Amino acid sequence: MSQEFVIEAFPRGDQGRGASRRLRREERKIPAIVYGGNKEATPIAIWHNELKKALENEAFFSHVLTIELDGKKESVILKDLQRHPYKPLLTHADFLRVDKDHEIHVNVPLHFINEDSAPAIKLQGGVANHQITEVEVICLPQNLPEFIEVDMADVDMDKVVHLSDLKLPEGVRIAALLQGEDHDLPVVAIHKPRGAKVDEATEGEEGEEGESKE
């Protein structure tokens, strides 16, 4: 994890719907809470625009973050984020404390590499069909990957890449695979476009008819 995200937080005394509205309207902050780690939940307030800007970075969702409150720092991960139903506003955030000695469950994005240069796509006209774009992993905080790469270079036409085919960093497990083989979900496959298959089948039939007439 090459990046570091530090979130400035402020104590939040007043709670409730009215207090939250005032916080957002008058101070340009949003209510949030830090919980877990065998400690009491701590209600906090954080700058709305700073959080919104941080969320533009995909890595924010799969990083161990730092909450700085009253000069003290805590390591956390973002567990939940609430947004206004129709306005481009954030309304609440939940952060879970993490301990370097305890595993965490985090959704990590998948990065599909060498897709455009894959022979099945570049030379054979195939199209990549992505089934999932992120995966839940289990690992210690220090082993949390920013993303997991899916190398498409050697994916043949009509071959399906499953969760069990992904190359994981050391110390990282996929949560779904711990539930058994039935949860080895498809991740991506390369197929010919549907129209292309129909055209090929039609050409084959026409060729056979021509041969039979001869």
N, C-alpha and C. Protein backbone atom coordinates (compact mmCIF):
# COMPACT_ATOMS: atom_id res chain seq x y z
N MET A 1 0.85 -1.19 0.00
CA MET A 1 0.00 0.00 0.00
C MET A 1 0.89 1.24 0.00
N SER A 2 0.94 1.91 -1.13
CA SER A 2 1.86 3.02 -1.28
C SER A 2 1.27 4.34 -0.81
N GLN A 3 -0.03 4.45 -0.78
CA GLN A 3 -0.65 5.71 -0.42
C GLN A 3 -1.07 5.71 1.04
N GLU A 4 -1.22 6.92 1.56
CA GLU A 4 -1.68 7.07 2.93
C GLU A 4 -2.81 8.09 2.94
N PHE A 5 -3.89 7.74 3.60
CA PHE A 5 -5.04 8.62 3.71
C PHE A 5 -5.25 8.98 5.18
N VAL A 6 -5.20 10.27 5.49
CA VAL A 6 -5.42 10.75 6.85
C VAL A 6 -6.69 11.60 6.85
N ILE A 7 -7.62 11.26 7.72
CA ILE A 7 -8.90 11.95 7.80
C ILE A 7 -8.95 12.76 9.09
N GLU A 8 -9.10 14.06 8.95
CA GLU A 8 -9.22 14.93 10.12
C GLU A 8 -10.63 14.80 10.68
N ALA A 9 -10.72 14.50 11.96
CA ALA A 9 -12.02 14.28 12.60
C ALA A 9 -12.20 15.21 13.80
N PHE A 10 -13.45 15.45 14.14
CA PHE A 10 -13.78 16.34 15.25
C PHE A 10 -14.79 15.64 16.16
N PRO A 11 -14.72 15.91 17.48
CA PRO A 11 -15.70 15.31 18.40
C PRO A 11 -17.12 15.74 18.02
N ARG A 12 -18.06 14.84 18.22
CA ARG A 12 -19.46 15.16 17.92
C ARG A 12 -20.30 14.85 19.15
N GLY A 13 -20.79 15.90 19.77
CA GLY A 13 -21.60 15.74 20.97
C GLY A 13 -23.07 15.54 20.67
N ASP A 14 -23.66 16.54 20.01
CA ASP A 14 -25.08 16.46 19.67
C ASP A 14 -25.31 15.40 18.61
N GLN A 15 -26.32 14.58 18.83
CA GLN A 15 -26.66 13.55 17.86
C GLN A 15 -28.14 13.64 17.53
N GLY A 16 -28.55 12.89 16.58
CA GLY A 16 -29.94 12.96 16.14
C GLY A 16 -30.04 13.59 14.77
N ARG A 17 -31.22 13.46 14.18
CA ARG A 17 -31.43 13.92 12.81
C ARG A 17 -31.24 15.43 12.67
N GLY A 18 -31.79 16.19 13.63
CA GLY A 18 -31.67 17.64 13.55
C GLY A 18 -30.22 18.11 13.67
N ALA A 19 -29.48 17.50 14.59
CA ALA A 19 -28.08 17.86 14.78
C ALA A 19 -27.27 17.52 13.54
N SER A 20 -27.58 16.41 12.91
CA SER A 20 -26.87 16.02 11.70
C SER A 20 -27.13 16.99 10.56
N ARG A 21 -28.37 17.46 10.45
CA ARG A 21 -28.69 18.42 9.41
C ARG A 21 -27.94 19.74 9.62
N ARG A 22 -27.90 20.18 10.87
CA ARG A 22 -27.18 21.42 11.17
C ARG A 22 -25.69 21.28 10.88
N LEU A 23 -25.17 20.11 11.21
CA LEU A 23 -23.74 19.85 10.97
C LEU A 23 -23.42 19.97 9.49
N ARG A 24 -24.27 19.37 8.67
CA ARG A 24 -24.04 19.39 7.22
C ARG A 24 -24.26 20.78 6.64
N ARG A 25 -25.30 21.47 7.12
CA ARG A 25 -25.67 22.75 6.53
C ARG A 25 -24.76 23.88 7.00
N GLU A 26 -24.48 23.95 8.29
CA GLU A 26 -23.77 25.09 8.85
C GLU A 26 -22.25 24.91 8.90
N GLU A 27 -21.79 23.69 9.09
CA GLU A 27 -20.35 23.48 9.25
C GLU A 27 -19.71 22.77 8.06
N ARG A 28 -20.54 22.33 7.11
CA ARG A 28 -20.04 21.61 5.93
C ARG A 28 -19.30 20.33 6.33
N LYS A 29 -19.80 19.72 7.40
CA LYS A 29 -19.26 18.44 7.85
C LYS A 29 -20.37 17.41 7.80
N ILE A 30 -19.98 16.14 7.90
CA ILE A 30 -20.99 15.08 7.98
C ILE A 30 -20.73 14.25 9.23
N PRO A 31 -21.79 13.67 9.80
CA PRO A 31 -21.61 12.80 10.96
C PRO A 31 -20.99 11.47 10.53
N ALA A 32 -20.21 10.89 11.42
CA ALA A 32 -19.60 9.58 11.17
C ALA A 32 -19.41 8.88 12.51
N ILE A 33 -19.03 7.63 12.45
CA ILE A 33 -18.81 6.88 13.68
C ILE A 33 -17.62 5.95 13.50
N VAL A 34 -16.84 5.79 14.55
CA VAL A 34 -15.72 4.86 14.57
C VAL A 34 -16.06 3.80 15.61
N TYR A 35 -16.02 2.52 15.21
CA TYR A 35 -16.43 1.46 16.13
C TYR A 35 -15.51 0.25 16.00
N GLY A 36 -15.72 -0.72 16.89
CA GLY A 36 -14.93 -1.95 16.85
C GLY A 36 -13.67 -1.86 17.68
N GLY A 37 -12.87 -2.93 17.62
CA GLY A 37 -11.62 -2.96 18.34
C GLY A 37 -11.77 -3.01 19.85
N ASN A 38 -12.87 -3.61 20.31
CA ASN A 38 -13.11 -3.73 21.76
C ASN A 38 -13.12 -2.39 22.48
N LYS A 39 -13.55 -1.36 21.75
CA LYS A 39 -13.69 -0.04 22.33
C LYS A 39 -15.11 0.46 22.08
N GLU A 40 -15.51 1.46 22.85
CA GLU A 40 -16.82 2.04 22.63
C GLU A 40 -16.85 2.78 21.29
N ALA A 41 -18.02 2.80 20.68
CA ALA A 41 -18.19 3.55 19.44
C ALA A 41 -18.00 5.04 19.71
N THR A 42 -17.29 5.70 18.80
CA THR A 42 -17.00 7.12 18.95
C THR A 42 -17.67 7.91 17.84
N PRO A 43 -18.67 8.76 18.17
CA PRO A 43 -19.26 9.61 17.14
C PRO A 43 -18.33 10.76 16.79
N ILE A 44 -18.13 11.00 15.52
CA ILE A 44 -17.23 12.06 15.06
C ILE A 44 -17.89 12.84 13.94
N ALA A 45 -17.25 13.94 13.57
CA ALA A 45 -17.65 14.71 12.40
C ALA A 45 -16.42 14.88 11.51
N ILE A 46 -16.64 14.83 10.20
CA ILE A 46 -15.52 14.99 9.26
C ILE A 46 -15.94 15.94 8.14
N TRP A 47 -14.95 16.58 7.54
CA TRP A 47 -15.23 17.52 6.46
C TRP A 47 -15.86 16.80 5.27
N HIS A 48 -16.99 17.31 4.82
CA HIS A 48 -17.70 16.69 3.71
C HIS A 48 -16.87 16.70 2.43
N ASN A 49 -16.36 17.86 2.06
CA ASN A 49 -15.66 17.97 0.77
C ASN A 49 -14.35 17.20 0.74
N GLU A 50 -13.68 17.14 1.89
CA GLU A 50 -12.43 16.37 1.93
C GLU A 50 -12.70 14.88 1.73
N LEU A 51 -13.76 14.39 2.36
CA LEU A 51 -14.10 12.98 2.18
C LEU A 51 -14.54 12.71 0.75
N LYS A 52 -15.35 13.60 0.21
CA LYS A 52 -15.84 13.43 -1.15
C LYS A 52 -14.67 13.37 -2.14
N LYS A 53 -13.68 14.24 -1.93
CA LYS A 53 -12.51 14.25 -2.82
C LYS A 53 -11.71 12.96 -2.67
N ALA A 54 -11.55 12.49 -1.43
CA ALA A 54 -10.80 11.25 -1.20
C ALA A 54 -11.48 10.06 -1.87
N LEU A 55 -12.81 10.08 -1.93
CA LEU A 55 -13.55 8.98 -2.53
C LEU A 55 -13.35 8.88 -4.03
N GLU A 56 -12.84 9.95 -4.64
CA GLU A 56 -12.56 9.91 -6.07
C GLU A 56 -11.39 8.98 -6.39
N ASN A 57 -10.60 8.67 -5.37
CA ASN A 57 -9.48 7.75 -5.53
C ASN A 57 -9.95 6.34 -5.18
N GLU A 58 -9.90 5.46 -6.17
CA GLU A 58 -10.36 4.08 -5.97
C GLU A 58 -9.67 3.42 -4.79
N ALA A 59 -8.42 3.78 -4.56
CA ALA A 59 -7.64 3.13 -3.50
C ALA A 59 -8.20 3.42 -2.11
N PHE A 60 -8.96 4.48 -1.96
CA PHE A 60 -9.49 4.84 -0.65
C PHE A 60 -10.34 3.72 -0.07
N PHE A 61 -11.05 3.01 -0.93
CA PHE A 61 -11.97 1.97 -0.47
C PHE A 61 -11.25 0.70 -0.02
N SER A 62 -10.02 0.51 -0.44
CA SER A 62 -9.30 -0.73 -0.11
C SER A 62 -7.99 -0.44 0.63
N HIS A 63 -8.00 0.63 1.42
CA HIS A 63 -6.82 1.00 2.19
C HIS A 63 -7.14 1.04 3.68
N VAL A 64 -6.12 0.81 4.48
CA VAL A 64 -6.23 1.11 5.89
C VAL A 64 -6.04 2.62 6.03
N LEU A 65 -7.05 3.29 6.58
CA LEU A 65 -7.05 4.74 6.69
C LEU A 65 -6.63 5.16 8.09
N THR A 66 -6.30 6.43 8.24
CA THR A 66 -5.95 6.97 9.56
C THR A 66 -6.94 8.05 9.94
N ILE A 67 -7.62 7.85 11.06
CA ILE A 67 -8.50 8.88 11.62
C ILE A 67 -7.70 9.63 12.68
N GLU A 68 -7.62 10.96 12.55
CA GLU A 68 -6.91 11.78 13.53
C GLU A 68 -7.93 12.61 14.31
N LEU A 69 -8.06 12.31 15.59
CA LEU A 69 -9.05 12.96 16.45
C LEU A 69 -8.38 13.43 17.73
N ASP A 70 -8.44 14.73 18.01
CA ASP A 70 -7.84 15.30 19.22
C ASP A 70 -6.36 14.92 19.36
N GLY A 71 -5.64 14.90 18.25
CA GLY A 71 -4.21 14.60 18.29
C GLY A 71 -3.88 13.13 18.36
N LYS A 72 -4.90 12.27 18.42
CA LYS A 72 -4.67 10.83 18.47
C LYS A 72 -5.06 10.20 17.14
N LYS A 73 -4.31 9.17 16.75
CA LYS A 73 -4.56 8.53 15.47
C LYS A 73 -5.04 7.09 15.67
N GLU A 74 -5.97 6.68 14.84
CA GLU A 74 -6.46 5.31 14.85
C GLU A 74 -6.50 4.78 13.42
N SER A 75 -6.18 3.51 13.28
CA SER A 75 -6.25 2.86 11.97
C SER A 75 -7.64 2.29 11.77
N VAL A 76 -8.22 2.58 10.61
CA VAL A 76 -9.60 2.16 10.34
C VAL A 76 -9.73 1.77 8.87
N ILE A 77 -10.86 1.14 8.55
CA ILE A 77 -11.26 0.95 7.17
C ILE A 77 -12.68 1.47 7.02
N LEU A 78 -13.01 1.92 5.84
CA LEU A 78 -14.36 2.40 5.57
C LEU A 78 -15.29 1.20 5.41
N LYS A 79 -16.33 1.12 6.24
CA LYS A 79 -17.24 -0.02 6.19
C LYS A 79 -18.58 0.33 5.55
N ASP A 80 -19.01 1.58 5.67
CA ASP A 80 -20.30 1.93 5.09
C ASP A 80 -20.32 3.42 4.79
N LEU A 81 -21.03 3.76 3.73
CA LEU A 81 -21.11 5.16 3.32
C LEU A 81 -22.53 5.42 2.85
N GLN A 82 -23.15 6.45 3.41
CA GLN A 82 -24.51 6.79 3.02
C GLN A 82 -24.50 8.09 2.22
N ARG A 83 -25.33 8.12 1.18
CA ARG A 83 -25.41 9.28 0.30
C ARG A 83 -26.84 9.80 0.25
N HIS A 84 -26.99 11.06 -0.10
CA HIS A 84 -28.31 11.65 -0.28
C HIS A 84 -28.98 10.95 -1.46
N PRO A 85 -30.28 10.68 -1.37
CA PRO A 85 -30.95 9.90 -2.43
C PRO A 85 -30.90 10.54 -3.81
N TYR A 86 -30.83 11.88 -3.90
CA TYR A 86 -30.80 12.47 -5.24
C TYR A 86 -29.83 13.64 -5.38
N LYS A 87 -29.28 14.14 -4.29
CA LYS A 87 -28.29 15.20 -4.37
C LYS A 87 -26.88 14.61 -4.29
N PRO A 88 -25.89 15.25 -4.89
CA PRO A 88 -24.51 14.73 -4.83
C PRO A 88 -23.84 15.02 -3.49
N LEU A 89 -24.47 14.51 -2.43
CA LEU A 89 -23.99 14.77 -1.08
C LEU A 89 -23.81 13.48 -0.30
N LEU A 90 -22.79 13.46 0.56
CA LEU A 90 -22.61 12.36 1.49
C LEU A 90 -23.36 12.70 2.77
N THR A 91 -23.91 11.70 3.44
CA THR A 91 -24.70 11.99 4.64
C THR A 91 -24.17 11.30 5.90
N HIS A 92 -23.42 10.20 5.77
CA HIS A 92 -22.90 9.51 6.96
C HIS A 92 -21.83 8.51 6.53
N ALA A 93 -20.87 8.26 7.42
CA ALA A 93 -19.81 7.28 7.15
C ALA A 93 -19.56 6.44 8.39
N ASP A 94 -19.30 5.16 8.19
CA ASP A 94 -18.94 4.25 9.27
C ASP A 94 -17.51 3.77 9.06
N PHE A 95 -16.71 3.85 10.11
CA PHE A 95 -15.32 3.38 10.06
C PHE A 95 -15.11 2.30 11.11
N LEU A 96 -14.45 1.23 10.71
CA LEU A 96 -14.16 0.12 11.62
C LEU A 96 -12.69 0.15 12.02
N ARG A 97 -12.45 0.12 13.32
CA ARG A 97 -11.06 0.08 13.80
C ARG A 97 -10.41 -1.23 13.38
N VAL A 98 -9.12 -1.17 13.07
CA VAL A 98 -8.39 -2.39 12.71
C VAL A 98 -7.19 -2.56 13.62
N ASP A 99 -6.82 -3.81 13.80
CA ASP A 99 -5.68 -4.18 14.62
C ASP A 99 -4.72 -4.96 13.75
N LYS A 100 -3.44 -4.66 13.81
CA LYS A 100 -2.46 -5.31 12.94
C LYS A 100 -2.40 -6.82 13.14
N ASP A 101 -2.92 -7.31 14.29
CA ASP A 101 -2.86 -8.74 14.57
C ASP A 101 -4.17 -9.46 14.27
N HIS A 102 -5.16 -8.74 13.77
CA HIS A 102 -6.45 -9.36 13.47
C HIS A 102 -6.82 -9.15 12.00
N GLU A 103 -7.29 -10.22 11.38
CA GLU A 103 -7.65 -10.16 9.96
C GLU A 103 -8.88 -9.29 9.74
N ILE A 104 -8.94 -8.71 8.55
CA ILE A 104 -10.07 -7.88 8.18
C ILE A 104 -10.68 -8.40 6.88
N HIS A 105 -11.94 -8.07 6.67
CA HIS A 105 -12.65 -8.41 5.44
C HIS A 105 -12.85 -7.12 4.65
N VAL A 106 -12.33 -7.05 3.44
CA VAL A 106 -12.41 -5.82 2.65
C VAL A 106 -12.68 -6.18 1.18
N ASN A 107 -13.53 -5.40 0.54
CA ASN A 107 -13.74 -5.54 -0.90
C ASN A 107 -12.62 -4.82 -1.64
N VAL A 108 -11.97 -5.54 -2.52
CA VAL A 108 -10.82 -5.01 -3.27
C VAL A 108 -11.16 -5.02 -4.76
N PRO A 109 -10.87 -3.93 -5.49
CA PRO A 109 -11.18 -3.90 -6.93
C PRO A 109 -10.28 -4.83 -7.73
N LEU A 110 -10.80 -5.29 -8.85
CA LEU A 110 -10.04 -6.09 -9.79
C LEU A 110 -9.58 -5.19 -10.94
N HIS A 111 -8.31 -5.30 -11.31
CA HIS A 111 -7.77 -4.56 -12.45
C HIS A 111 -7.46 -5.56 -13.56
N PHE A 112 -8.12 -5.42 -14.67
CA PHE A 112 -7.94 -6.33 -15.80
C PHE A 112 -6.84 -5.76 -16.71
N ILE A 113 -5.71 -6.47 -16.79
CA ILE A 113 -4.57 -5.98 -17.57
C ILE A 113 -4.38 -6.82 -18.84
N ASN A 114 -3.71 -6.22 -19.81
CA ASN A 114 -3.41 -6.87 -21.10
C ASN A 114 -4.68 -7.30 -21.84
N GLU A 115 -5.76 -6.59 -21.59
CA GLU A 115 -7.02 -6.97 -22.22
C GLU A 115 -7.02 -6.65 -23.71
N ASP A 116 -6.62 -5.44 -24.06
CA ASP A 116 -6.65 -5.04 -25.47
C ASP A 116 -5.66 -5.84 -26.33
N SER A 117 -4.58 -6.29 -25.70
CA SER A 117 -3.55 -7.01 -26.47
C SER A 117 -3.72 -8.53 -26.42
N ALA A 118 -4.73 -9.02 -25.71
CA ALA A 118 -4.95 -10.47 -25.63
C ALA A 118 -5.27 -11.01 -27.03
N PRO A 119 -4.59 -12.07 -27.49
CA PRO A 119 -4.84 -12.60 -28.84
C PRO A 119 -6.30 -12.92 -29.11
N ALA A 120 -7.00 -13.45 -28.10
CA ALA A 120 -8.41 -13.81 -28.31
C ALA A 120 -9.26 -12.58 -28.62
N ILE A 121 -8.79 -11.41 -28.18
CA ILE A 121 -9.52 -10.16 -28.45
C ILE A 121 -8.95 -9.45 -29.67
N LYS A 122 -7.64 -9.26 -29.69
CA LYS A 122 -6.99 -8.49 -30.75
C LYS A 122 -7.01 -9.20 -32.09
N LEU A 123 -6.77 -10.52 -32.09
CA LEU A 123 -6.64 -11.26 -33.35
C LEU A 123 -7.89 -12.04 -33.73
N GLN A 124 -8.67 -12.47 -32.73
CA GLN A 124 -9.82 -13.32 -33.01
C GLN A 124 -11.16 -12.61 -32.87
N GLY A 125 -11.11 -11.32 -32.49
CA GLY A 125 -12.35 -10.55 -32.44
C GLY A 125 -13.23 -10.82 -31.24
N GLY A 126 -12.65 -11.39 -30.19
CA GLY A 126 -13.44 -11.67 -29.00
C GLY A 126 -13.70 -10.41 -28.17
N VAL A 127 -14.64 -10.54 -27.25
CA VAL A 127 -15.00 -9.44 -26.36
C VAL A 127 -14.97 -9.96 -24.92
N ALA A 128 -14.36 -9.18 -24.03
CA ALA A 128 -14.29 -9.58 -22.63
C ALA A 128 -15.62 -9.33 -21.95
N ASN A 129 -16.07 -10.33 -21.21
CA ASN A 129 -17.33 -10.23 -20.47
C ASN A 129 -17.00 -10.30 -18.98
N HIS A 130 -17.02 -9.13 -18.31
CA HIS A 130 -16.68 -9.07 -16.89
C HIS A 130 -17.89 -9.42 -16.04
N GLN A 131 -17.74 -10.44 -15.21
CA GLN A 131 -18.82 -10.85 -14.33
C GLN A 131 -18.78 -10.10 -13.00
N ILE A 132 -17.59 -9.88 -12.47
CA ILE A 132 -17.43 -9.13 -11.23
C ILE A 132 -16.25 -8.17 -11.37
N THR A 133 -16.30 -7.09 -10.63
CA THR A 133 -15.23 -6.08 -10.72
C THR A 133 -14.53 -5.87 -9.38
N GLU A 134 -14.98 -6.56 -8.34
CA GLU A 134 -14.31 -6.49 -7.05
C GLU A 134 -14.53 -7.81 -6.32
N VAL A 135 -13.70 -8.06 -5.32
CA VAL A 135 -13.79 -9.33 -4.61
C VAL A 135 -13.48 -9.08 -3.13
N GLU A 136 -14.19 -9.80 -2.26
CA GLU A 136 -13.95 -9.66 -0.83
C GLU A 136 -12.76 -10.54 -0.43
N VAL A 137 -11.77 -9.92 0.20
CA VAL A 137 -10.59 -10.66 0.64
C VAL A 137 -10.49 -10.63 2.16
N ILE A 138 -9.74 -11.58 2.69
CA ILE A 138 -9.48 -11.66 4.12
C ILE A 138 -7.97 -11.65 4.30
N CYS A 139 -7.48 -10.76 5.14
CA CYS A 139 -6.04 -10.68 5.36
C CYS A 139 -5.76 -9.78 6.56
N LEU A 140 -4.52 -9.80 6.99
CA LEU A 140 -4.08 -8.84 8.01
C LEU A 140 -3.99 -7.46 7.38
N PRO A 141 -4.19 -6.40 8.15
CA PRO A 141 -4.18 -5.05 7.59
C PRO A 141 -2.93 -4.74 6.76
N GLN A 142 -1.78 -5.20 7.22
CA GLN A 142 -0.54 -4.88 6.51
C GLN A 142 -0.41 -5.62 5.17
N ASN A 143 -1.25 -6.64 4.95
CA ASN A 143 -1.20 -7.38 3.70
C ASN A 143 -2.30 -6.97 2.72
N LEU A 144 -3.10 -5.99 3.11
CA LEU A 144 -4.24 -5.60 2.28
C LEU A 144 -3.76 -5.03 0.94
N PRO A 145 -4.15 -5.66 -0.19
CA PRO A 145 -3.72 -5.13 -1.49
C PRO A 145 -4.63 -3.99 -1.94
N GLU A 146 -4.06 -3.06 -2.67
CA GLU A 146 -4.84 -1.95 -3.20
C GLU A 146 -5.80 -2.45 -4.27
N PHE A 147 -5.37 -3.46 -5.03
CA PHE A 147 -6.20 -4.09 -6.06
C PHE A 147 -5.58 -5.45 -6.38
N ILE A 148 -6.33 -6.24 -7.13
CA ILE A 148 -5.84 -7.55 -7.57
C ILE A 148 -5.87 -7.55 -9.10
N GLU A 149 -4.75 -7.91 -9.70
CA GLU A 149 -4.66 -7.92 -11.16
C GLU A 149 -5.20 -9.22 -11.74
N VAL A 150 -5.90 -9.09 -12.85
CA VAL A 150 -6.36 -10.24 -13.62
C VAL A 150 -5.71 -10.11 -14.99
N ASP A 151 -4.72 -10.96 -15.26
CA ASP A 151 -3.97 -10.88 -16.52
C ASP A 151 -4.74 -11.61 -17.62
N MET A 152 -5.13 -10.85 -18.64
CA MET A 152 -5.95 -11.41 -19.72
C MET A 152 -5.11 -11.93 -20.89
N ALA A 153 -3.80 -11.80 -20.81
CA ALA A 153 -2.93 -12.10 -21.95
C ALA A 153 -3.09 -13.53 -22.46
N ASP A 154 -3.25 -14.49 -21.56
CA ASP A 154 -3.31 -15.90 -21.96
C ASP A 154 -4.71 -16.49 -21.86
N VAL A 155 -5.71 -15.64 -21.80
CA VAL A 155 -7.09 -16.15 -21.72
C VAL A 155 -7.57 -16.46 -23.14
N ASP A 156 -7.86 -17.73 -23.40
CA ASP A 156 -8.29 -18.16 -24.72
C ASP A 156 -9.77 -17.86 -24.95
N MET A 157 -10.17 -17.95 -26.21
CA MET A 157 -11.56 -17.74 -26.56
C MET A 157 -12.45 -18.76 -25.83
N ASP A 158 -13.51 -18.28 -25.22
CA ASP A 158 -14.51 -19.07 -24.50
C ASP A 158 -13.98 -19.67 -23.20
N LYS A 159 -12.80 -19.27 -22.79
CA LYS A 159 -12.28 -19.73 -21.49
C LYS A 159 -12.80 -18.80 -20.40
N VAL A 160 -13.19 -19.40 -19.27
CA VAL A 160 -13.72 -18.63 -18.15
C VAL A 160 -12.69 -18.59 -17.03
N VAL A 161 -12.38 -17.39 -16.56
CA VAL A 161 -11.49 -17.23 -15.42
C VAL A 161 -12.34 -17.18 -14.15
N HIS A 162 -12.04 -18.07 -13.21
CA HIS A 162 -12.79 -18.13 -11.96
C HIS A 162 -11.99 -17.51 -10.81
N LEU A 163 -12.65 -17.35 -9.68
CA LEU A 163 -11.98 -16.79 -8.50
C LEU A 163 -10.73 -17.59 -8.15
N SER A 164 -10.81 -18.90 -8.27
CA SER A 164 -9.68 -19.76 -7.90
C SER A 164 -8.49 -19.58 -8.83
N ASP A 165 -8.68 -18.94 -9.98
CA ASP A 165 -7.59 -18.71 -10.93
C ASP A 165 -6.82 -17.43 -10.62
N LEU A 166 -7.33 -16.59 -9.75
CA LEU A 166 -6.67 -15.31 -9.47
C LEU A 166 -5.39 -15.52 -8.69
N LYS A 167 -4.38 -14.75 -9.04
CA LYS A 167 -3.11 -14.79 -8.32
C LYS A 167 -3.15 -13.76 -7.20
N LEU A 168 -3.06 -14.25 -5.97
CA LEU A 168 -3.22 -13.40 -4.81
C LEU A 168 -1.88 -13.10 -4.15
N PRO A 169 -1.75 -11.92 -3.56
CA PRO A 169 -0.53 -11.63 -2.79
C PRO A 169 -0.44 -12.56 -1.59
N GLU A 170 0.73 -12.69 -1.06
CA GLU A 170 0.94 -13.56 0.09
C GLU A 170 0.10 -13.09 1.27
N GLY A 171 -0.54 -14.05 1.94
CA GLY A 171 -1.32 -13.72 3.12
C GLY A 171 -2.73 -13.26 2.84
N VAL A 172 -3.16 -13.34 1.57
CA VAL A 172 -4.50 -12.86 1.19
C VAL A 172 -5.34 -14.04 0.72
N ARG A 173 -6.57 -14.13 1.24
CA ARG A 173 -7.50 -15.18 0.83
C ARG A 173 -8.79 -14.55 0.32
N ILE A 174 -9.47 -15.27 -0.55
CA ILE A 174 -10.76 -14.81 -1.06
C ILE A 174 -11.86 -15.42 -0.20
N ALA A 175 -12.71 -14.56 0.34
CA ALA A 175 -13.73 -15.01 1.29
C ALA A 175 -14.67 -16.05 0.68
N ALA A 176 -15.09 -15.85 -0.56
CA ALA A 176 -16.06 -16.76 -1.18
C ALA A 176 -15.53 -18.18 -1.29
N LEU A 177 -14.23 -18.32 -1.56
CA LEU A 177 -13.66 -19.66 -1.76
C LEU A 177 -13.62 -20.46 -0.46
N LEU A 178 -13.70 -19.80 0.67
CA LEU A 178 -13.71 -20.51 1.95
C LEU A 178 -15.06 -21.17 2.20
N GLN A 179 -16.05 -20.85 1.36
CA GLN A 179 -17.38 -21.41 1.52
C GLN A 179 -17.59 -22.66 0.66
N GLY A 180 -16.57 -23.05 -0.10
CA GLY A 180 -16.69 -24.27 -0.90
C GLY A 180 -16.60 -24.02 -2.38
N GLU A 181 -16.51 -25.12 -3.14
CA GLU A 181 -16.33 -25.05 -4.59
C GLU A 181 -17.51 -24.38 -5.29
N ASP A 182 -18.70 -24.49 -4.71
CA ASP A 182 -19.88 -23.88 -5.33
C ASP A 182 -19.79 -22.36 -5.39
N HIS A 183 -18.86 -21.80 -4.62
CA HIS A 183 -18.71 -20.34 -4.58
C HIS A 183 -17.52 -19.85 -5.40
N ASP A 184 -16.98 -20.75 -6.23
CA ASP A 184 -15.88 -20.37 -7.12
C ASP A 184 -16.48 -19.67 -8.33
N LEU A 185 -16.82 -18.41 -8.17
CA LEU A 185 -17.59 -17.67 -9.17
C LEU A 185 -16.75 -17.31 -10.40
N PRO A 186 -17.41 -17.17 -11.55
CA PRO A 186 -16.71 -16.69 -12.75
C PRO A 186 -16.38 -15.22 -12.62
N VAL A 187 -15.20 -14.85 -13.07
CA VAL A 187 -14.74 -13.47 -12.99
C VAL A 187 -14.83 -12.79 -14.35
N VAL A 188 -14.30 -13.44 -15.37
CA VAL A 188 -14.29 -12.84 -16.71
C VAL A 188 -14.12 -13.96 -17.73
N ALA A 189 -14.60 -13.71 -18.93
CA ALA A 189 -14.43 -14.65 -20.04
C ALA A 189 -14.35 -13.85 -21.33
N ILE A 190 -13.78 -14.48 -22.35
CA ILE A 190 -13.72 -13.86 -23.67
C ILE A 190 -14.58 -14.69 -24.62
N HIS A 191 -15.54 -14.04 -25.25
CA HIS A 191 -16.43 -14.72 -26.19
C HIS A 191 -16.52 -13.91 -27.47
N LYS A 192 -16.90 -14.58 -28.53
CA LYS A 192 -17.21 -13.88 -29.77
C LYS A 192 -18.53 -13.13 -29.56
N PRO A 193 -18.66 -11.95 -30.15
CA PRO A 193 -19.95 -11.25 -30.06
C PRO A 193 -21.06 -12.15 -30.59
N ARG A 194 -22.25 -12.02 -30.00
CA ARG A 194 -23.35 -12.92 -30.37
C ARG A 194 -23.64 -12.87 -31.87
N GLY A 195 -23.63 -11.70 -32.46
CA GLY A 195 -23.91 -11.57 -33.89
C GLY A 195 -22.87 -12.28 -34.75
N ALA A 196 -21.62 -12.26 -34.28
CA ALA A 196 -20.54 -12.91 -35.04
C ALA A 196 -20.74 -14.41 -35.09
N LYS A 197 -21.23 -14.99 -33.99
CA LYS A 197 -21.46 -16.44 -33.96
C LYS A 197 -22.56 -16.83 -34.95
N VAL A 198 -23.60 -16.00 -35.03
CA VAL A 198 -24.70 -16.29 -35.95
C VAL A 198 -24.20 -16.22 -37.39
N ASP A 199 -23.38 -15.20 -37.70
CA ASP A 199 -22.83 -15.05 -39.05
C ASP A 199 -21.97 -16.24 -39.43
N GLU A 200 -21.14 -16.72 -38.50
CA GLU A 200 -20.27 -17.86 -38.78
C GLU A 200 -21.10 -19.11 -39.06
N ALA A 201 -22.16 -19.29 -38.25
CA ALA A 201 -23.01 -20.46 -38.44
C ALA A 201 -23.70 -20.41 -39.80
N THR A 202 -24.15 -19.20 -40.19
CA THR A 202 -24.82 -19.03 -41.48
C THR A 202 -23.86 -19.31 -42.62
N GLU A 203 -22.64 -18.81 -42.53
CA GLU A 203 -21.64 -19.05 -43.57
C GLU A 203 -21.35 -20.54 -43.71
N GLY A 204 -21.30 -21.24 -42.56
CA GLY A 204 -21.02 -22.67 -42.61
C GLY A 204 -22.13 -23.43 -43.32
N GLU A 205 -23.39 -23.03 -43.05
CA GLU A 205 -24.52 -23.69 -43.69
C GLU A 205 -24.52 -23.44 -45.19
N GLU A 206 -24.21 -22.19 -45.57
CA GLU A 206 -24.17 -21.87 -47.00
C GLU A 206 -23.09 -22.65 -47.72
N GLY A 207 -21.96 -22.84 -47.04
CA GLY A 207 -20.89 -23.59 -47.64
C GLY A 207 -21.27 -25.04 -47.87
N GLU A 208 -21.97 -25.64 -46.91
CA GLU A 208 -22.39 -27.03 -47.04
C GLU A 208 -23.40 -27.19 -48.16
N GLU A 209 -24.32 -26.19 -48.29
CA GLU A 209 -25.31 -26.27 -49.37
C GLU A 209 -24.64 -26.21 -50.71
N GLY A 210 -23.62 -25.35 -50.85
CA GLY A 210 -22.90 -25.22 -52.11
C GLY A 210 -22.22 -26.52 -52.48
N GLU A 211 -21.64 -27.20 -51.53
CA GLU A 211 -20.96 -28.45 -51.80
C GLU A 211 -21.94 -29.53 -52.23
N SER A 212 -23.12 -29.56 -51.57
CA SER A 212 -24.09 -30.60 -51.90
C SER A 212 -24.64 -30.41 -53.30
N LYS A 213 -24.81 -29.11 -53.74
CA LYS A 213 -25.31 -28.87 -55.09
C LYS A 213 -24.31 -29.32 -56.14
N GLU A 214 -23.05 -29.18 -55.81
CA GLU A 214 -22.02 -29.60 -56.75
C GLU A 214 -22.05 -31.12 -56.88
